[in-house]
PDB file of all heavy atoms in Angstrom:
ATOM      1  N   ALA A   1      -7.577  52.361 -11.873  1.00  0.00           N
ATOM      2  CA  ALA A   1      -8.310  53.176 -12.848  1.00  0.00           C
ATOM      3  C   ALA A   1      -9.580  53.761 -12.231  1.00  0.00           C
ATOM      4  O   ALA A   1      -9.981  53.420 -11.120  1.00  0.00           O
ATOM      5  CB  ALA A   1      -8.656  52.334 -14.076  1.00  0.00           C
ATOM      6  N   THR A   2     -10.205  54.668 -12.981  1.00  0.00           N
ATOM      7  CA  THR A   2     -11.507  55.226 -12.619  1.00  0.00           C
ATOM      8  C   THR A   2     -12.564  54.625 -13.531  1.00  0.00           C
ATOM      9  O   THR A   2     -12.390  54.603 -14.756  1.00  0.00           O
ATOM     10  CB  THR A   2     -11.502  56.757 -12.754  1.00  0.00           C
ATOM     11  OG1 THR A   2     -10.578  57.312 -11.819  1.00  0.00           O
ATOM     12  CG2 THR A   2     -12.890  57.329 -12.478  1.00  0.00           C
ATOM     13  N   LEU A   3     -13.635  54.138 -12.935  1.00  0.00           N
ATOM     14  CA  LEU A   3     -14.734  53.573 -13.694  1.00  0.00           C
ATOM     15  C   LEU A   3     -15.867  54.589 -13.792  1.00  0.00           C
ATOM     16  O   LEU A   3     -16.355  55.084 -12.775  1.00  0.00           O
ATOM     17  CB  LEU A   3     -15.258  52.300 -13.014  1.00  0.00           C
ATOM     18  CG  LEU A   3     -16.551  51.705 -13.587  1.00  0.00           C
ATOM     19  CD1 LEU A   3     -16.335  51.190 -15.004  1.00  0.00           C
ATOM     20  CD2 LEU A   3     -17.075  50.583 -12.682  1.00  0.00           C
ATOM     21  N   TYR A   4     -16.264  54.906 -15.012  1.00  0.00           N
ATOM     22  CA  TYR A   4     -17.424  55.769 -15.256  1.00  0.00           C
ATOM     23  C   TYR A   4     -18.571  54.860 -15.696  1.00  0.00           C
ATOM     24  O   TYR A   4     -18.466  54.153 -16.709  1.00  0.00           O
ATOM     25  CB  TYR A   4     -17.128  56.797 -16.354  1.00  0.00           C
ATOM     26  CG  TYR A   4     -16.075  57.802 -15.940  1.00  0.00           C
ATOM     27  CD1 TYR A   4     -14.716  57.540 -16.141  1.00  0.00           C
ATOM     28  CD2 TYR A   4     -16.438  59.006 -15.339  1.00  0.00           C
ATOM     29  CE1 TYR A   4     -13.747  58.454 -15.751  1.00  0.00           C
ATOM     30  CE2 TYR A   4     -15.479  59.920 -14.944  1.00  0.00           C
ATOM     31  CZ  TYR A   4     -14.142  59.630 -15.144  1.00  0.00           C
ATOM     32  OH  TYR A   4     -13.171  60.537 -14.755  1.00  0.00           O
ATOM     33  N   VAL A   5     -19.647  54.866 -14.934  1.00  0.00           N
ATOM     34  CA  VAL A   5     -20.777  53.998 -15.248  1.00  0.00           C
ATOM     35  C   VAL A   5     -22.067  54.790 -15.091  1.00  0.00           C
ATOM     36  O   VAL A   5     -22.235  55.568 -14.151  1.00  0.00           O
ATOM     37  CB  VAL A   5     -20.763  52.734 -14.356  1.00  0.00           C
ATOM     38  CG1 VAL A   5     -20.870  53.086 -12.876  1.00  0.00           C
ATOM     39  CG2 VAL A   5     -21.855  51.759 -14.752  1.00  0.00           C
ATOM     40  N   THR A   6     -22.968  54.634 -16.031  1.00  0.00           N
ATOM     41  CA  THR A   6     -24.164  55.478 -16.080  1.00  0.00           C
ATOM     42  C   THR A   6     -25.158  55.171 -14.963  1.00  0.00           C
ATOM     43  O   THR A   6     -25.968  56.014 -14.611  1.00  0.00           O
ATOM     44  CB  THR A   6     -24.860  55.330 -17.439  1.00  0.00           C
ATOM     45  OG1 THR A   6     -25.168  53.947 -17.667  1.00  0.00           O
ATOM     46  CG2 THR A   6     -23.942  55.823 -18.560  1.00  0.00           C
ATOM     47  N   LEU A   7     -25.104  53.947 -14.419  1.00  0.00           N
ATOM     48  CA  LEU A   7     -26.021  53.532 -13.354  1.00  0.00           C
ATOM     49  C   LEU A   7     -25.238  52.812 -12.265  1.00  0.00           C
ATOM     50  O   LEU A   7     -24.258  52.117 -12.554  1.00  0.00           O
ATOM     51  CB  LEU A   7     -27.100  52.599 -13.918  1.00  0.00           C
ATOM     52  CG  LEU A   7     -28.188  52.119 -12.949  1.00  0.00           C
ATOM     53  CD1 LEU A   7     -29.083  53.273 -12.520  1.00  0.00           C
ATOM     54  CD2 LEU A   7     -29.032  51.016 -13.602  1.00  0.00           C
ATOM     55  N   GLU A   8     -25.675  52.985 -11.039  1.00  0.00           N
ATOM     56  CA  GLU A   8     -25.041  52.330  -9.889  1.00  0.00           C
ATOM     57  C   GLU A   8     -24.803  50.840 -10.150  1.00  0.00           C
ATOM     58  O   GLU A   8     -25.712  50.112 -10.549  1.00  0.00           O
ATOM     59  CB  GLU A   8     -25.956  52.484  -8.674  1.00  0.00           C
ATOM     60  CG  GLU A   8     -25.510  51.717  -7.448  1.00  0.00           C
ATOM     61  CD  GLU A   8     -26.532  51.789  -6.320  1.00  0.00           C
ATOM     62  OE1 GLU A   8     -27.607  52.394  -6.517  1.00  0.00           O
ATOM     63  OE2 GLU A   8     -26.233  51.263  -5.227  1.00  0.00           O
ATOM     64  N   PRO A   9     -23.595  50.337  -9.925  1.00  0.00           N
ATOM     65  CA  PRO A   9     -23.318  48.904 -10.118  1.00  0.00           C
ATOM     66  C   PRO A   9     -24.154  48.044  -9.167  1.00  0.00           C
ATOM     67  O   PRO A   9     -24.405  48.422  -8.024  1.00  0.00           O
ATOM     68  CB  PRO A   9     -21.824  48.785  -9.798  1.00  0.00           C
ATOM     69  CG  PRO A   9     -21.274  50.159 -10.026  1.00  0.00           C
ATOM     70  CD  PRO A   9     -22.368  51.090  -9.614  1.00  0.00           C
ATOM     71  N   CYS A  10     -24.581  46.892  -9.663  1.00  0.00           N
ATOM     72  CA  CYS A  10     -25.399  45.999  -8.845  1.00  0.00           C
ATOM     73  C   CYS A  10     -24.529  45.264  -7.824  1.00  0.00           C
ATOM     74  O   CYS A  10     -23.333  45.051  -8.040  1.00  0.00           O
ATOM     75  CB  CYS A  10     -26.137  44.996  -9.724  1.00  0.00           C
ATOM     76  SG  CYS A  10     -25.057  43.860 -10.622  1.00  0.00           S
ATOM     77  N   ALA A  11     -25.163  44.877  -6.716  1.00  0.00           N
ATOM     78  CA  ALA A  11     -24.438  44.185  -5.642  1.00  0.00           C
ATOM     79  C   ALA A  11     -25.104  42.859  -5.298  1.00  0.00           C
ATOM     80  O   ALA A  11     -24.887  42.312  -4.218  1.00  0.00           O
ATOM     81  CB  ALA A  11     -24.369  45.079  -4.401  1.00  0.00           C
ATOM     82  N   HIS A  12     -25.911  42.319  -6.199  1.00  0.00           N
ATOM     83  CA  HIS A  12     -26.643  41.090  -5.922  1.00  0.00           C
ATOM     84  C   HIS A  12     -26.369  40.067  -7.010  1.00  0.00           C
ATOM     85  O   HIS A  12     -25.994  40.392  -8.132  1.00  0.00           O
ATOM     86  CB  HIS A  12     -28.149  41.373  -5.857  1.00  0.00           C
ATOM     87  CG  HIS A  12     -28.709  41.879  -7.158  1.00  0.00           C
ATOM     88  ND1 HIS A  12     -28.570  43.193  -7.558  1.00  0.00           N
ATOM     89  CD2 HIS A  12     -29.383  41.252  -8.155  1.00  0.00           C
ATOM     90  CE1 HIS A  12     -29.142  43.355  -8.731  1.00  0.00           C
ATOM     91  NE2 HIS A  12     -29.638  42.187  -9.118  1.00  0.00           N
ATOM     92  N   ASP A  13     -26.565  38.807  -6.659  1.00  0.00           N
ATOM     93  CA  ASP A  13     -26.459  37.725  -7.632  1.00  0.00           C
ATOM     94  C   ASP A  13     -27.771  37.600  -8.385  1.00  0.00           C
ATOM     95  O   ASP A  13     -28.850  37.499  -7.785  1.00  0.00           O
ATOM     96  CB  ASP A  13     -26.151  36.404  -6.919  1.00  0.00           C
ATOM     97  CG  ASP A  13     -24.689  36.289  -6.518  1.00  0.00           C
ATOM     98  OD1 ASP A  13     -23.851  36.150  -7.427  1.00  0.00           O
ATOM     99  OD2 ASP A  13     -24.400  36.350  -5.307  1.00  0.00           O
ATOM    100  N   GLY A  14     -27.673  37.603  -9.708  1.00  0.00           N
ATOM    101  CA  GLY A  14     -28.837  37.388 -10.558  1.00  0.00           C
ATOM    102  C   GLY A  14     -28.449  36.427 -11.658  1.00  0.00           C
ATOM    103  O   GLY A  14     -27.819  35.397 -11.406  1.00  0.00           O
ATOM    104  N   ARG A  15     -28.804  36.765 -12.887  1.00  0.00           N
ATOM    105  CA  ARG A  15     -28.381  35.941 -14.022  1.00  0.00           C
ATOM    106  C   ARG A  15     -26.899  36.112 -14.294  1.00  0.00           C
ATOM    107  O   ARG A  15     -26.290  35.303 -14.997  1.00  0.00           O
ATOM    108  CB  ARG A  15     -29.211  36.306 -15.262  1.00  0.00           C
ATOM    109  CG  ARG A  15     -30.689  35.980 -15.087  1.00  0.00           C
ATOM    110  CD  ARG A  15     -31.565  36.602 -16.148  1.00  0.00           C
ATOM    111  NE  ARG A  15     -31.399  35.973 -17.443  1.00  0.00           N
ATOM    112  CZ  ARG A  15     -32.107  36.289 -18.534  1.00  0.00           C
ATOM    113  NH1 ARG A  15     -33.049  37.231 -18.433  1.00  0.00           N
ATOM    114  NH2 ARG A  15     -31.913  35.683 -19.679  1.00  0.00           N
ATOM    115  N   THR A  16     -26.323  37.185 -13.754  1.00  0.00           N
ATOM    116  CA  THR A  16     -24.880  37.429 -13.821  1.00  0.00           C
ATOM    117  C   THR A  16     -24.385  37.785 -12.415  1.00  0.00           C
ATOM    118  O   THR A  16     -25.173  38.208 -11.569  1.00  0.00           O
ATOM    119  CB  THR A  16     -24.557  38.587 -14.787  1.00  0.00           C
ATOM    120  OG1 THR A  16     -25.254  39.763 -14.354  1.00  0.00           O
ATOM    121  CG2 THR A  16     -24.999  38.248 -16.213  1.00  0.00           C
ATOM    122  N   PRO A  17     -23.076  37.627 -12.143  1.00  0.00           N
ATOM    123  CA  PRO A  17     -22.554  37.936 -10.801  1.00  0.00           C
ATOM    124  C   PRO A  17     -22.624  39.430 -10.497  1.00  0.00           C
ATOM    125  O   PRO A  17     -22.778  40.262 -11.406  1.00  0.00           O
ATOM    126  CB  PRO A  17     -21.087  37.460 -10.890  1.00  0.00           C
ATOM    127  CG  PRO A  17     -21.011  36.588 -12.094  1.00  0.00           C
ATOM    128  CD  PRO A  17     -22.050  37.083 -13.039  1.00  0.00           C
ATOM    129  N   PRO A  18     -22.493  39.809  -9.218  1.00  0.00           N
ATOM    130  CA  PRO A  18     -22.530  41.223  -8.838  1.00  0.00           C
ATOM    131  C   PRO A  18     -21.399  42.015  -9.485  1.00  0.00           C
ATOM    132  O   PRO A  18     -20.234  41.575  -9.466  1.00  0.00           O
ATOM    133  CB  PRO A  18     -22.381  41.200  -7.318  1.00  0.00           C
ATOM    134  CG  PRO A  18     -22.706  39.805  -6.916  1.00  0.00           C
ATOM    135  CD  PRO A  18     -22.326  38.929  -8.057  1.00  0.00           C
ATOM    136  N   CYS A  19     -21.722  43.165 -10.030  1.00  0.00           N
ATOM    137  CA  CYS A  19     -20.697  44.007 -10.648  1.00  0.00           C
ATOM    138  C   CYS A  19     -19.765  44.602  -9.588  1.00  0.00           C
ATOM    139  O   CYS A  19     -18.590  44.831  -9.856  1.00  0.00           O
ATOM    140  CB  CYS A  19     -21.350  45.113 -11.460  1.00  0.00           C
ATOM    141  SG  CYS A  19     -22.154  44.513 -12.960  1.00  0.00           S
ATOM    142  N   THR A  20     -20.276  44.869  -8.398  1.00  0.00           N
ATOM    143  CA  THR A  20     -19.438  45.441  -7.336  1.00  0.00           C
ATOM    144  C   THR A  20     -18.264  44.526  -7.021  1.00  0.00           C
ATOM    145  O   THR A  20     -17.140  44.988  -6.815  1.00  0.00           O
ATOM    146  CB  THR A  20     -20.265  45.677  -6.068  1.00  0.00           C
ATOM    147  OG1 THR A  20     -20.987  44.478  -5.749  1.00  0.00           O
ATOM    148  CG2 THR A  20     -21.236  46.814  -6.258  1.00  0.00           C
ATOM    149  N   ARG A  21     -18.535  43.218  -6.978  1.00  0.00           N
ATOM    150  CA  ARG A  21     -17.474  42.257  -6.678  1.00  0.00           C
ATOM    151  C   ARG A  21     -16.371  42.317  -7.735  1.00  0.00           C
ATOM    152  O   ARG A  21     -15.175  42.292  -7.418  1.00  0.00           O
ATOM    153  CB  ARG A  21     -18.059  40.840  -6.609  1.00  0.00           C
ATOM    154  CG  ARG A  21     -17.093  39.766  -6.126  1.00  0.00           C
ATOM    155  CD  ARG A  21     -17.729  38.405  -6.256  1.00  0.00           C
ATOM    156  NE  ARG A  21     -19.003  38.336  -5.550  1.00  0.00           N
ATOM    157  CZ  ARG A  21     -19.902  37.379  -5.766  1.00  0.00           C
ATOM    158  NH1 ARG A  21     -19.679  36.435  -6.679  1.00  0.00           N
ATOM    159  NH2 ARG A  21     -21.028  37.374  -5.078  1.00  0.00           N
ATOM    160  N   ALA A  22     -16.791  42.418  -9.012  1.00  0.00           N
ATOM    161  CA  ALA A  22     -15.807  42.479 -10.089  1.00  0.00           C
ATOM    162  C   ALA A  22     -15.006  43.775 -10.045  1.00  0.00           C
ATOM    163  O   ALA A  22     -13.789  43.774 -10.279  1.00  0.00           O
ATOM    164  CB  ALA A  22     -16.518  42.350 -11.440  1.00  0.00           C
ATOM    165  N   VAL A  23     -15.669  44.886  -9.721  1.00  0.00           N
ATOM    166  CA  VAL A  23     -14.988  46.185  -9.648  1.00  0.00           C
ATOM    167  C   VAL A  23     -13.951  46.176  -8.532  1.00  0.00           C
ATOM    168  O   VAL A  23     -12.801  46.628  -8.713  1.00  0.00           O
ATOM    169  CB  VAL A  23     -16.020  47.313  -9.429  1.00  0.00           C
ATOM    170  CG1 VAL A  23     -15.322  48.642  -9.135  1.00  0.00           C
ATOM    171  CG2 VAL A  23     -16.919  47.452 -10.655  1.00  0.00           C
ATOM    172  N   ILE A  24     -14.323  45.649  -7.384  1.00  0.00           N
ATOM    173  CA  ILE A  24     -13.401  45.605  -6.235  1.00  0.00           C
ATOM    174  C   ILE A  24     -12.224  44.675  -6.530  1.00  0.00           C
ATOM    175  O   ILE A  24     -11.055  45.021  -6.284  1.00  0.00           O
ATOM    176  CB  ILE A  24     -14.161  45.152  -4.977  1.00  0.00           C
ATOM    177  CG1 ILE A  24     -15.190  46.223  -4.581  1.00  0.00           C
ATOM    178  CG2 ILE A  24     -13.190  44.894  -3.823  1.00  0.00           C
ATOM    179  CD1 ILE A  24     -16.218  45.734  -3.572  1.00  0.00           C
ATOM    180  N   SER A  25     -12.508  43.497  -7.087  1.00  0.00           N
ATOM    181  CA  SER A  25     -11.449  42.531  -7.383  1.00  0.00           C
ATOM    182  C   SER A  25     -10.469  43.058  -8.418  1.00  0.00           C
ATOM    183  O   SER A  25      -9.274  42.714  -8.375  1.00  0.00           O
ATOM    184  CB  SER A  25     -12.067  41.220  -7.886  1.00  0.00           C
ATOM    185  OG  SER A  25     -12.904  40.639  -6.914  1.00  0.00           O
ATOM    186  N   ALA A  26     -10.949  43.886  -9.334  1.00  0.00           N
ATOM    187  CA  ALA A  26     -10.071  44.417 -10.382  1.00  0.00           C
ATOM    188  C   ALA A  26      -9.160  45.529  -9.876  1.00  0.00           C
ATOM    189  O   ALA A  26      -8.241  45.948 -10.589  1.00  0.00           O
ATOM    190  CB  ALA A  26     -10.916  44.940 -11.545  1.00  0.00           C
ATOM    191  N   GLY A  27      -9.421  46.036  -8.666  1.00  0.00           N
ATOM    192  CA  GLY A  27      -8.570  47.086  -8.117  1.00  0.00           C
ATOM    193  C   GLY A  27      -8.900  48.481  -8.604  1.00  0.00           C
ATOM    194  O   GLY A  27      -8.046  49.370  -8.579  1.00  0.00           O
ATOM    195  N   VAL A  28     -10.142  48.692  -9.017  1.00  0.00           N
ATOM    196  CA  VAL A  28     -10.555  50.033  -9.447  1.00  0.00           C
ATOM    197  C   VAL A  28     -10.465  50.989  -8.260  1.00  0.00           C
ATOM    198  O   VAL A  28     -10.893  50.672  -7.154  1.00  0.00           O
ATOM    199  CB  VAL A  28     -11.994  49.998 -10.012  1.00  0.00           C
ATOM    200  CG1 VAL A  28     -12.525  51.403 -10.241  1.00  0.00           C
ATOM    201  CG2 VAL A  28     -12.026  49.186 -11.313  1.00  0.00           C
ATOM    202  N   ARG A  29      -9.866  52.156  -8.494  1.00  0.00           N
ATOM    203  CA  ARG A  29      -9.621  53.109  -7.413  1.00  0.00           C
ATOM    204  C   ARG A  29     -10.824  54.013  -7.161  1.00  0.00           C
ATOM    205  O   ARG A  29     -11.120  54.353  -6.013  1.00  0.00           O
ATOM    206  CB  ARG A  29      -8.393  53.962  -7.767  1.00  0.00           C
ATOM    207  CG  ARG A  29      -8.059  55.060  -6.752  1.00  0.00           C
ATOM    208  CD  ARG A  29      -6.834  55.850  -7.210  1.00  0.00           C
ATOM    209  NE  ARG A  29      -7.071  56.477  -8.497  1.00  0.00           N
ATOM    210  CZ  ARG A  29      -7.650  57.664  -8.653  1.00  0.00           C
ATOM    211  NH1 ARG A  29      -8.081  58.344  -7.598  1.00  0.00           N
ATOM    212  NH2 ARG A  29      -7.816  58.165  -9.858  1.00  0.00           N
ATOM    213  N   ARG A  30     -11.518  54.405  -8.236  1.00  0.00           N
ATOM    214  CA  ARG A  30     -12.613  55.365  -8.111  1.00  0.00           C
ATOM    215  C   ARG A  30     -13.733  54.966  -9.048  1.00  0.00           C
ATOM    216  O   ARG A  30     -13.489  54.452 -10.150  1.00  0.00           O
ATOM    217  CB  ARG A  30     -12.103  56.773  -8.454  1.00  0.00           C
ATOM    218  CG  ARG A  30     -13.154  57.891  -8.407  1.00  0.00           C
ATOM    219  CD  ARG A  30     -12.505  59.249  -8.637  1.00  0.00           C
ATOM    220  NE  ARG A  30     -13.490  60.322  -8.708  1.00  0.00           N
ATOM    221  CZ  ARG A  30     -13.699  61.098  -9.775  1.00  0.00           C
ATOM    222  NH1 ARG A  30     -12.958  60.939 -10.867  1.00  0.00           N
ATOM    223  NH2 ARG A  30     -14.618  62.039  -9.755  1.00  0.00           N
ATOM    224  N   CYS A  31     -14.967  55.205  -8.624  1.00  0.00           N
ATOM    225  CA  CYS A  31     -16.137  54.899  -9.447  1.00  0.00           C
ATOM    226  C   CYS A  31     -17.016  56.140  -9.527  1.00  0.00           C
ATOM    227  O   CYS A  31     -17.451  56.668  -8.498  1.00  0.00           O
ATOM    228  CB  CYS A  31     -16.913  53.725  -8.862  1.00  0.00           C
ATOM    229  SG  CYS A  31     -18.329  53.199  -9.860  1.00  0.00           S
ATOM    230  N   VAL A  32     -17.265  56.607 -10.735  1.00  0.00           N
ATOM    231  CA  VAL A  32     -18.122  57.767 -10.970  1.00  0.00           C
ATOM    232  C   VAL A  32     -19.438  57.251 -11.542  1.00  0.00           C
ATOM    233  O   VAL A  32     -19.466  56.613 -12.593  1.00  0.00           O
ATOM    234  CB  VAL A  32     -17.461  58.767 -11.942  1.00  0.00           C
ATOM    235  CG1 VAL A  32     -18.372  59.970 -12.160  1.00  0.00           C
ATOM    236  CG2 VAL A  32     -16.104  59.206 -11.417  1.00  0.00           C
ATOM    237  N   VAL A  33     -20.524  57.510 -10.826  1.00  0.00           N
ATOM    238  CA  VAL A  33     -21.843  56.964 -11.155  1.00  0.00           C
ATOM    239  C   VAL A  33     -22.756  58.075 -11.653  1.00  0.00           C
ATOM    240  O   VAL A  33     -22.849  59.139 -11.028  1.00  0.00           O
ATOM    241  CB  VAL A  33     -22.467  56.284  -9.912  1.00  0.00           C
ATOM    242  CG1 VAL A  33     -23.875  55.797 -10.217  1.00  0.00           C
ATOM    243  CG2 VAL A  33     -21.584  55.139  -9.436  1.00  0.00           C
ATOM    244  N   GLY A  34     -23.442  57.808 -12.755  1.00  0.00           N
ATOM    245  CA  GLY A  34     -24.383  58.795 -13.272  1.00  0.00           C
ATOM    246  C   GLY A  34     -25.576  58.986 -12.349  1.00  0.00           C
ATOM    247  O   GLY A  34     -25.884  60.102 -11.938  1.00  0.00           O
TER     248      GLY A  34
END
């Protein structure tokens, strides 16, 4: 799928895991960033 997200996904561990890791693991093909 294509992910449309208004802000660049985070790539660091904080109070929640990195969004980049979840996007890659889910097999998203394309990411459109606002």
